[in-house]
């Protein structure tokens, strides 16, 4: 005699629980047909609070902001150097709290008023400094200055082809000679970075990189840790190169 299959019996609580779970999973019974409700879409991916979402962009695509570049600023009162980012007209020294002008200036004629700024000064071809001192972050020199005038840069000094000045009239952290410019040194030039598109004659000692570009020329001697001579650059000098960190 064949054994009868045992029939599984489910109580009402188990049936209700299975139906509830099926609805959560989006299950549509076959008998519902076309009038059945469509399953609910999955919830959107939340956007993290520390990221930026562009309006109208699909959820989940994050975009990063570009931070402004940092640059070094030196206080003209106490000499303290610190880093800042972005640009504003005035900032205060992080050490002595002295106000530092960050404006840009252009000189296109006779000038007798001193300038102190962490920004840029452009002395154009018609610019002529008379009994005055300029202290700036960057200076582009294309004009002239008398013997009582001087330039001081905390970053870059660029000397143009029409500029007239001696090496005793400027002090700078980095120096760039434009194409067609010629500078004859009366003493050793101690510099960080040096870029030559023009001609420099004399003795150079650099803590950074000396770069002679196409059309540039260096005559004399150069001491430092890094020397780059591009195709078309000229070098007629005694060269002393030592690794960074050595004597």
C-alpha atoms as a PDB file:
ATOM      1  CA  UNK A   1       0.000   0.000   0.000  1.00  0.00           C
ATOM      2  CA  UNK A   2       1.512   3.331  -1.073  1.00  0.00           C
ATOM      3  CA  UNK A   3       2.264   5.845   1.611  1.00  0.00           C
ATOM      4  CA  UNK A   4       0.352   9.122   1.483  1.00  0.00           C
ATOM      5  CA  UNK A   5       2.396  12.294   1.151  1.00  0.00           C
ATOM      6  CA  UNK A   6       2.398  14.423   4.235  1.00  0.00           C
ATOM      7  CA  UNK A   7       0.704  17.751   3.602  1.00  0.00           C
ATOM      8  CA  UNK A   8       2.450  20.816   5.068  1.00  0.00           C
ATOM      9  CA  UNK A   9       0.084  23.055   6.962  1.00  0.00           C
ATOM     10  CA  UNK A  10       0.844  26.800   7.355  1.00  0.00           C
ATOM     11  CA  UNK A  11      -0.847  28.924   9.917  1.00  0.00           C
ATOM     12  CA  UNK A  12      -2.411  32.294   9.101  1.00  0.00           C
ATOM     13  CA  UNK A  13       0.439  34.314  10.621  1.00  0.00           C
ATOM     14  CA  UNK A  14       3.006  32.687   8.303  1.00  0.00           C
ATOM     15  CA  UNK A  15       0.844  33.420   5.227  1.00  0.00           C
ATOM     16  CA  UNK A  16       0.475  37.112   6.129  1.00  0.00           C
ATOM     17  CA  UNK A  17       4.214  37.416   6.712  1.00  0.00           C
ATOM     18  CA  UNK A  18       5.071  35.851   3.312  1.00  0.00           C
ATOM     19  CA  UNK A  19       2.628  38.136   1.467  1.00  0.00           C
ATOM     20  CA  UNK A  20       4.061  41.218   3.188  1.00  0.00           C
ATOM     21  CA  UNK A  21       7.625  40.224   2.284  1.00  0.00           C
ATOM     22  CA  UNK A  22       6.615  39.600  -1.354  1.00  0.00           C
ATOM     23  CA  UNK A  23       5.143  43.103  -1.626  1.00  0.00           C
ATOM     24  CA  UNK A  24       8.364  44.611  -0.277  1.00  0.00           C
ATOM     25  CA  UNK A  25      10.367  42.686  -2.885  1.00  0.00           C
ATOM     26  CA  UNK A  26       8.154  44.002  -5.720  1.00  0.00           C
ATOM     27  CA  UNK A  27       6.535  40.678  -6.505  1.00  0.00           C
ATOM     28  CA  UNK A  28       3.442  40.931  -8.737  1.00  0.00           C
ATOM     29  CA  UNK A  29       1.087  37.954  -8.628  1.00  0.00           C
ATOM     30  CA  UNK A  30       0.426  36.389 -12.070  1.00  0.00           C
ATOM     31  CA  UNK A  31      -3.315  36.790 -11.622  1.00  0.00           C
ATOM     32  CA  UNK A  32      -3.035  40.556 -11.314  1.00  0.00           C
ATOM     33  CA  UNK A  33      -2.490  40.958 -15.070  1.00  0.00           C
ATOM     34  CA  UNK A  34      -2.062  44.328 -16.724  1.00  0.00           C
ATOM     35  CA  UNK A  35      -3.828  46.263 -13.982  1.00  0.00           C
ATOM     36  CA  UNK A  36      -1.230  45.294 -11.440  1.00  0.00           C
ATOM     37  CA  UNK A  37       0.829  48.027  -9.854  1.00  0.00           C
ATOM     38  CA  UNK A  38       4.409  48.318 -11.071  1.00  0.00           C
ATOM     39  CA  UNK A  39       7.161  47.593  -8.561  1.00  0.00           C
ATOM     40  CA  UNK A  40       8.561  50.573  -6.731  1.00  0.00           C
ATOM     41  CA  UNK A  41      11.937  51.832  -8.009  1.00  0.00           C
ATOM     42  CA  UNK A  42      14.898  51.565  -5.663  1.00  0.00           C
ATOM     43  CA  UNK A  43      15.571  54.648  -3.531  1.00  0.00           C
ATOM     44  CA  UNK A  44      18.079  57.188  -4.986  1.00  0.00           C
ATOM     45  CA  UNK A  45      21.702  57.018  -3.930  1.00  0.00           C
ATOM     46  CA  UNK A  46      22.258  59.687  -1.267  1.00  0.00           C
ATOM     47  CA  UNK A  47      24.867  62.377  -2.025  1.00  0.00           C
ATOM     48  CA  UNK A  48      27.549  62.811   0.590  1.00  0.00           C
ATOM     49  CA  UNK A  49      27.451  66.124   2.390  1.00  0.00           C
ATOM     50  CA  UNK A  50      31.164  66.817   1.835  1.00  0.00           C
ATOM     51  CA  UNK A  51      30.903  66.701  -1.971  1.00  0.00           C
ATOM     52  CA  UNK A  52      29.393  69.129  -4.480  1.00  0.00           C
ATOM     53  CA  UNK A  53      26.529  68.157  -6.781  1.00  0.00           C
ATOM     54  CA  UNK A  54      26.068  70.115 -10.004  1.00  0.00           C
ATOM     55  CA  UNK A  55      22.400  71.124 -10.518  1.00  0.00           C
ATOM     56  CA  UNK A  56      20.748  68.865 -13.086  1.00  0.00           C
ATOM     57  CA  UNK A  57      23.468  66.216 -12.937  1.00  0.00           C
ATOM     58  CA  UNK A  58      22.512  62.556 -12.464  1.00  0.00           C
ATOM     59  CA  UNK A  59      22.515  61.386  -8.832  1.00  0.00           C
ATOM     60  CA  UNK A  60      25.733  59.834  -7.660  1.00  0.00           C
ATOM     61  CA  UNK A  61      28.078  61.920  -9.872  1.00  0.00           C
ATOM     62  CA  UNK A  62      30.287  64.070  -7.714  1.00  0.00           C
ATOM     63  CA  UNK A  63      32.465  66.973  -8.819  1.00  0.00           C
ATOM     64  CA  UNK A  64      35.523  68.406  -7.085  1.00  0.00           C
ATOM     65  CA  UNK A  65      36.311  72.083  -6.780  1.00  0.00           C
ATOM     66  CA  UNK A  66      39.659  73.449  -7.968  1.00  0.00           C
ATOM     67  CA  UNK A  67      41.517  75.210  -5.198  1.00  0.00           C
ATOM     68  CA  UNK A  68      43.371  78.437  -6.056  1.00  0.00           C
ATOM     69  CA  UNK A  69      47.147  78.098  -6.247  1.00  0.00           C
ATOM     70  CA  UNK A  70      49.233  78.952  -3.207  1.00  0.00           C
ATOM     71  CA  UNK A  71      52.086  81.434  -3.351  1.00  0.00           C
ATOM     72  CA  UNK A  72      54.671  82.826  -0.955  1.00  0.00           C
ATOM     73  CA  UNK A  73      54.365  86.327   0.455  1.00  0.00           C
ATOM     74  CA  UNK A  74      57.036  88.176   2.427  1.00  0.00           C
ATOM     75  CA  UNK A  75      56.177  90.911   4.879  1.00  0.00           C
ATOM     76  CA  UNK A  76      58.054  94.132   4.084  1.00  0.00           C
ATOM     77  CA  UNK A  77      58.056  95.177   7.766  1.00  0.00           C
ATOM     78  CA  UNK A  78      59.388  92.090   9.589  1.00  0.00           C
ATOM     79  CA  UNK A  79      60.582  89.907   6.688  1.00  0.00           C
ATOM     80  CA  UNK A  80      58.395  86.939   7.672  1.00  0.00           C
ATOM     81  CA  UNK A  81      57.398  84.654   4.783  1.00  0.00           C
ATOM     82  CA  UNK A  82      54.091  82.795   4.712  1.00  0.00           C
ATOM     83  CA  UNK A  83      51.848  81.093   2.142  1.00  0.00           C
ATOM     84  CA  UNK A  84      48.510  82.426   0.929  1.00  0.00           C
ATOM     85  CA  UNK A  85      46.003  81.323  -1.722  1.00  0.00           C
ATOM     86  CA  UNK A  86      43.739  83.387  -3.926  1.00  0.00           C
ATOM     87  CA  UNK A  87      43.969  87.157  -4.397  1.00  0.00           C
ATOM     88  CA  UNK A  88      42.676  90.120  -2.423  1.00  0.00           C
ATOM     89  CA  UNK A  89      43.673  93.779  -2.231  1.00  0.00           C
ATOM     90  CA  UNK A  90      45.019  93.716   1.337  1.00  0.00           C
ATOM     91  CA  UNK A  91      46.193  91.040   3.750  1.00  0.00           C
ATOM     92  CA  UNK A  92      47.822  91.116   7.173  1.00  0.00           C
ATOM     93  CA  UNK A  93      51.174  89.584   8.090  1.00  0.00           C
ATOM     94  CA  UNK A  94      50.760  86.303   9.918  1.00  0.00           C
ATOM     95  CA  UNK A  95      53.472  87.347  12.387  1.00  0.00           C
ATOM     96  CA  UNK A  96      53.504  91.123  13.013  1.00  0.00           C
ATOM     97  CA  UNK A  97      49.951  91.822  11.712  1.00  0.00           C
ATOM     98  CA  UNK A  98      51.172  94.651   9.475  1.00  0.00           C
ATOM     99  CA  UNK A  99      48.909  95.432   6.519  1.00  0.00           C
ATOM    100  CA  UNK A 100      50.307  94.285   3.155  1.00  0.00           C
ATOM    101  CA  UNK A 101      49.035  95.765  -0.091  1.00  0.00           C
ATOM    102  CA  UNK A 102      48.457  93.154  -2.818  1.00  0.00           C
ATOM    103  CA  UNK A 103      47.505  95.512  -5.633  1.00  0.00           C
ATOM    104  CA  UNK A 104      49.078  95.571  -9.104  1.00  0.00           C
ATOM    105  CA  UNK A 105      50.689  98.726 -10.516  1.00  0.00           C
ATOM    106  CA  UNK A 106      51.822  99.947 -13.938  1.00  0.00           C
ATOM    107  CA  UNK A 107      54.403 102.717 -14.464  1.00  0.00           C
ATOM    108  CA  UNK A 108      54.344 104.446 -17.828  1.00  0.00           C
ATOM    109  CA  UNK A 109      56.240 107.701 -17.238  1.00  0.00           C
ATOM    110  CA  UNK A 110      58.290 109.521 -14.563  1.00  0.00           C
ATOM    111  CA  UNK A 111      57.616 108.121 -11.091  1.00  0.00           C
ATOM    112  CA  UNK A 112      58.742 109.445  -7.699  1.00  0.00           C
ATOM    113  CA  UNK A 113      56.423 107.685  -5.243  1.00  0.00           C
ATOM    114  CA  UNK A 114      57.638 104.487  -3.484  1.00  0.00           C
ATOM    115  CA  UNK A 115      55.589 101.324  -3.882  1.00  0.00           C
ATOM    116  CA  UNK A 116      55.273  98.402  -1.466  1.00  0.00           C
ATOM    117  CA  UNK A 117      53.028  95.600  -2.662  1.00  0.00           C
ATOM    118  CA  UNK A 118      52.863  91.839  -2.632  1.00  0.00           C
ATOM    119  CA  UNK A 119      51.384  92.021  -6.133  1.00  0.00           C
ATOM    120  CA  UNK A 120      52.944  92.813  -9.510  1.00  0.00           C
ATOM    121  CA  UNK A 121      54.576  96.014 -10.776  1.00  0.00           C
ATOM    122  CA  UNK A 122      55.068  96.555 -14.502  1.00  0.00           C
ATOM    123  CA  UNK A 123      57.557  99.293 -15.395  1.00  0.00           C
ATOM    124  CA  UNK A 124      56.890  99.879 -19.073  1.00  0.00           C
ATOM    125  CA  UNK A 125      59.276 101.191 -21.713  1.00  0.00           C
ATOM    126  CA  UNK A 126      58.450 104.832 -20.974  1.00  0.00           C
ATOM    127  CA  UNK A 127      58.610 104.315 -17.221  1.00  0.00           C
ATOM    128  CA  UNK A 128      61.436 106.096 -15.378  1.00  0.00           C
ATOM    129  CA  UNK A 129      62.029 105.827 -11.633  1.00  0.00           C
ATOM    130  CA  UNK A 130      63.477 108.901  -9.905  1.00  0.00           C
ATOM    131  CA  UNK A 131      64.876 108.692  -6.346  1.00  0.00           C
ATOM    132  CA  UNK A 132      62.468 105.925  -5.423  1.00  0.00           C
ATOM    133  CA  UNK A 133      62.470 102.304  -4.204  1.00  0.00           C
ATOM    134  CA  UNK A 134      60.027  99.616  -5.290  1.00  0.00           C
ATOM    135  CA  UNK A 135      59.317  96.543  -3.152  1.00  0.00           C
ATOM    136  CA  UNK A 136      56.989  94.020  -4.769  1.00  0.00           C
ATOM    137  CA  UNK A 137      56.190  90.354  -5.185  1.00  0.00           C
ATOM    138  CA  UNK A 138      56.938  90.405  -8.934  1.00  0.00           C
ATOM    139  CA  UNK A 139      58.399  93.162 -11.106  1.00  0.00           C
ATOM    140  CA  UNK A 140      58.636  93.351 -14.881  1.00  0.00           C
ATOM    141  CA  UNK A 141      61.308  95.920 -15.736  1.00  0.00           C
ATOM    142  CA  UNK A 142      61.271  97.395 -19.251  1.00  0.00           C
ATOM    143  CA  UNK A 143      62.076 101.032 -18.465  1.00  0.00           C
ATOM    144  CA  UNK A 144      64.884 102.901 -16.706  1.00  0.00           C
ATOM    145  CA  UNK A 145      65.795 104.123 -13.233  1.00  0.00           C
ATOM    146  CA  UNK A 146      68.303 106.645 -11.922  1.00  0.00           C
ATOM    147  CA  UNK A 147      71.242 105.823  -9.650  1.00  0.00           C
ATOM    148  CA  UNK A 148      69.257 106.580  -6.487  1.00  0.00           C
ATOM    149  CA  UNK A 149      66.474 104.121  -7.296  1.00  0.00           C
ATOM    150  CA  UNK A 150      66.290 100.399  -6.484  1.00  0.00           C
ATOM    151  CA  UNK A 151      64.098  97.325  -6.935  1.00  0.00           C
ATOM    152  CA  UNK A 152      63.408  94.482  -4.510  1.00  0.00           C
ATOM    153  CA  UNK A 153      61.334  91.379  -5.354  1.00  0.00           C
ATOM    154  CA  UNK A 154      60.205  88.597  -3.058  1.00  0.00           C
ATOM    155  CA  UNK A 155      59.412  86.395  -6.079  1.00  0.00           C
ATOM    156  CA  UNK A 156      60.422  87.158  -9.690  1.00  0.00           C
ATOM    157  CA  UNK A 157      62.199  90.044 -11.389  1.00  0.00           C
ATOM    158  CA  UNK A 158      61.965  89.985 -15.183  1.00  0.00           C
ATOM    159  CA  UNK A 159      64.320  92.273 -17.101  1.00  0.00           C
ATOM    160  CA  UNK A 160      63.215  93.232 -20.599  1.00  0.00           C
ATOM    161  CA  UNK A 161      65.329  93.988 -23.648  1.00  0.00           C
ATOM    162  CA  UNK A 162      64.949  97.788 -23.273  1.00  0.00           C
ATOM    163  CA  UNK A 163      65.597  97.947 -19.533  1.00  0.00           C
ATOM    164  CA  UNK A 164      68.569  99.950 -18.235  1.00  0.00           C
ATOM    165  CA  UNK A 165      69.815  99.061 -14.739  1.00  0.00           C
ATOM    166  CA  UNK A 166      72.810  97.533 -12.979  1.00  0.00           C
ATOM    167  CA  UNK A 167      72.955  94.440 -10.817  1.00  0.00           C
ATOM    168  CA  UNK A 168      73.601  96.669  -7.775  1.00  0.00           C
ATOM    169  CA  UNK A 169      70.168  98.242  -8.157  1.00  0.00           C
ATOM    170  CA  UNK A 170      68.075  95.149  -7.625  1.00  0.00           C
ATOM    171  CA  UNK A 171      67.576  92.353  -5.138  1.00  0.00           C
ATOM    172  CA  UNK A 172      65.403  89.393  -6.035  1.00  0.00           C
ATOM    173  CA  UNK A 173      64.659  85.786  -5.162  1.00  0.00           C
ATOM    174  CA  UNK A 174      64.333  84.639  -8.796  1.00  0.00           C
ATOM    175  CA  UNK A 175      65.554  86.322 -11.996  1.00  0.00           C
ATOM    176  CA  UNK A 176      64.424  86.057 -15.603  1.00  0.00           C
ATOM    177  CA  UNK A 177      66.121  87.748 -18.580  1.00  0.00           C
ATOM    178  CA  UNK A 178      63.794  88.252 -21.529  1.00  0.00           C
ATOM    179  CA  UNK A 179      64.863  87.645 -25.133  1.00  0.00           C
ATOM    180  CA  UNK A 180      67.213  90.404 -26.303  1.00  0.00           C
ATOM    181  CA  UNK A 181      68.123  91.516 -22.762  1.00  0.00           C
ATOM    182  CA  UNK A 182      71.775  91.687 -21.699  1.00  0.00           C
ATOM    183  CA  UNK A 183      73.041  91.922 -18.135  1.00  0.00           C
ATOM    184  CA  UNK A 184      76.712  92.250 -17.137  1.00  0.00           C
ATOM    185  CA  UNK A 185      77.343  91.476 -13.475  1.00  0.00           C
ATOM    186  CA  UNK A 186      79.728  93.547 -11.382  1.00  0.00           C
ATOM    187  CA  UNK A 187      79.593  91.055  -8.494  1.00  0.00           C
ATOM    188  CA  UNK A 188      78.517  87.482  -7.784  1.00  0.00           C
ATOM    189  CA  UNK A 189      74.805  86.957  -8.337  1.00  0.00           C
ATOM    190  CA  UNK A 190      73.270  84.815  -5.588  1.00  0.00           C
ATOM    191  CA  UNK A 191      69.878  83.635  -6.741  1.00  0.00           C
ATOM    192  CA  UNK A 192      67.351  80.825  -6.343  1.00  0.00           C
ATOM    193  CA  UNK A 193      65.946  80.216  -9.842  1.00  0.00           C
ATOM    194  CA  UNK A 194      67.489  81.771 -12.963  1.00  0.00           C
ATOM    195  CA  UNK A 195      65.915  81.701 -16.425  1.00  0.00           C
ATOM    196  CA  UNK A 196      67.788  83.042 -19.426  1.00  0.00           C
ATOM    197  CA  UNK A 197      66.152  83.947 -22.714  1.00  0.00           C
ATOM    198  CA  UNK A 198      68.728  86.729 -23.066  1.00  0.00           C
ATOM    199  CA  UNK A 199      72.448  87.029 -22.238  1.00  0.00           C
ATOM    200  CA  UNK A 200      74.059  87.127 -18.808  1.00  0.00           C
ATOM    201  CA  UNK A 201      77.780  87.667 -18.213  1.00  0.00           C
ATOM    202  CA  UNK A 202      79.332  87.071 -14.812  1.00  0.00           C
ATOM    203  CA  UNK A 203      79.459  84.738 -11.835  1.00  0.00           C
ATOM    204  CA  UNK A 204      76.251  82.992 -10.730  1.00  0.00           C
ATOM    205  CA  UNK A 205      75.513  80.919  -7.639  1.00  0.00           C
ATOM    206  CA  UNK A 206      72.043  79.344  -7.589  1.00  0.00           C
ATOM    207  CA  UNK A 207      70.244  77.266  -4.984  1.00  0.00           C
ATOM    208  CA  UNK A 208      67.459  76.307  -7.399  1.00  0.00           C
ATOM    209  CA  UNK A 209      67.494  75.668 -11.141  1.00  0.00           C
ATOM    210  CA  UNK A 210      69.480  77.540 -13.776  1.00  0.00           C
ATOM    211  CA  UNK A 211      67.683  77.226 -17.121  1.00  0.00           C
ATOM    212  CA  UNK A 212      69.133  78.460 -20.412  1.00  0.00           C
ATOM    213  CA  UNK A 213      66.350  78.573 -22.979  1.00  0.00           C
ATOM    214  CA  UNK A 214      66.582  78.700 -26.754  1.00  0.00           C
ATOM    215  CA  UNK A 215      68.348  81.967 -27.600  1.00  0.00           C
ATOM    216  CA  UNK A 216      69.706  82.423 -24.067  1.00  0.00           C
ATOM    217  CA  UNK A 217      73.404  82.582 -23.248  1.00  0.00           C
ATOM    218  CA  UNK A 218      75.481  82.384 -20.062  1.00  0.00           C
ATOM    219  CA  UNK A 219      79.105  83.490 -20.016  1.00  0.00           C
ATOM    220  CA  UNK A 220      81.329  83.307 -16.913  1.00  0.00           C
ATOM    221  CA  UNK A 221      80.768  80.706 -14.215  1.00  0.00           C
ATOM    222  CA  UNK A 222      77.826  78.974 -12.611  1.00  0.00           C
ATOM    223  CA  UNK A 223      77.581  77.056  -9.346  1.00  0.00           C
ATOM    224  CA  UNK A 224      74.508  75.168  -8.219  1.00  0.00           C
ATOM    225  CA  UNK A 225      72.585  71.939  -7.967  1.00  0.00           C
ATOM    226  CA  UNK A 226      70.587  71.984 -11.218  1.00  0.00           C
ATOM    227  CA  UNK A 227      71.471  73.177 -14.709  1.00  0.00           C
ATOM    228  CA  UNK A 228      69.253  72.849 -17.785  1.00  0.00           C
ATOM    229  CA  UNK A 229      70.383  73.895 -21.271  1.00  0.00           C
ATOM    230  CA  UNK A 230      67.733  73.660 -23.976  1.00  0.00           C
ATOM    231  CA  UNK A 231      68.450  73.193 -27.676  1.00  0.00           C
ATOM    232  CA  UNK A 232      69.600  76.553 -28.993  1.00  0.00           C
ATOM    233  CA  UNK A 233      70.885  77.735 -25.610  1.00  0.00           C
ATOM    234  CA  UNK A 234      74.513  78.828 -25.189  1.00  0.00           C
ATOM    235  CA  UNK A 235      76.877  78.102 -22.313  1.00  0.00           C
ATOM    236  CA  UNK A 236      80.453  79.457 -22.221  1.00  0.00           C
ATOM    237  CA  UNK A 237      81.255  79.147 -18.546  1.00  0.00           C
ATOM    238  CA  UNK A 238      82.947  77.167 -15.842  1.00  0.00           C
ATOM    239  CA  UNK A 239      80.340  74.874 -14.356  1.00  0.00           C
ATOM    240  CA  UNK A 240      80.304  73.506 -10.812  1.00  0.00           C
ATOM    241  CA  UNK A 241      77.329  71.257 -10.090  1.00  0.00           C
ATOM    242  CA  UNK A 242      76.799  69.447  -6.790  1.00  0.00           C
ATOM    243  CA  UNK A 243      73.881  67.311  -5.541  1.00  0.00           C
ATOM    244  CA  UNK A 244      71.191  68.886  -3.412  1.00  0.00           C
ATOM    245  CA  UNK A 245      72.091  68.853   0.261  1.00  0.00           C
ATOM    246  CA  UNK A 246      75.874  68.709  -0.221  1.00  0.00           C
ATOM    247  CA  UNK A 247      78.288  71.512   0.454  1.00  0.00           C
END
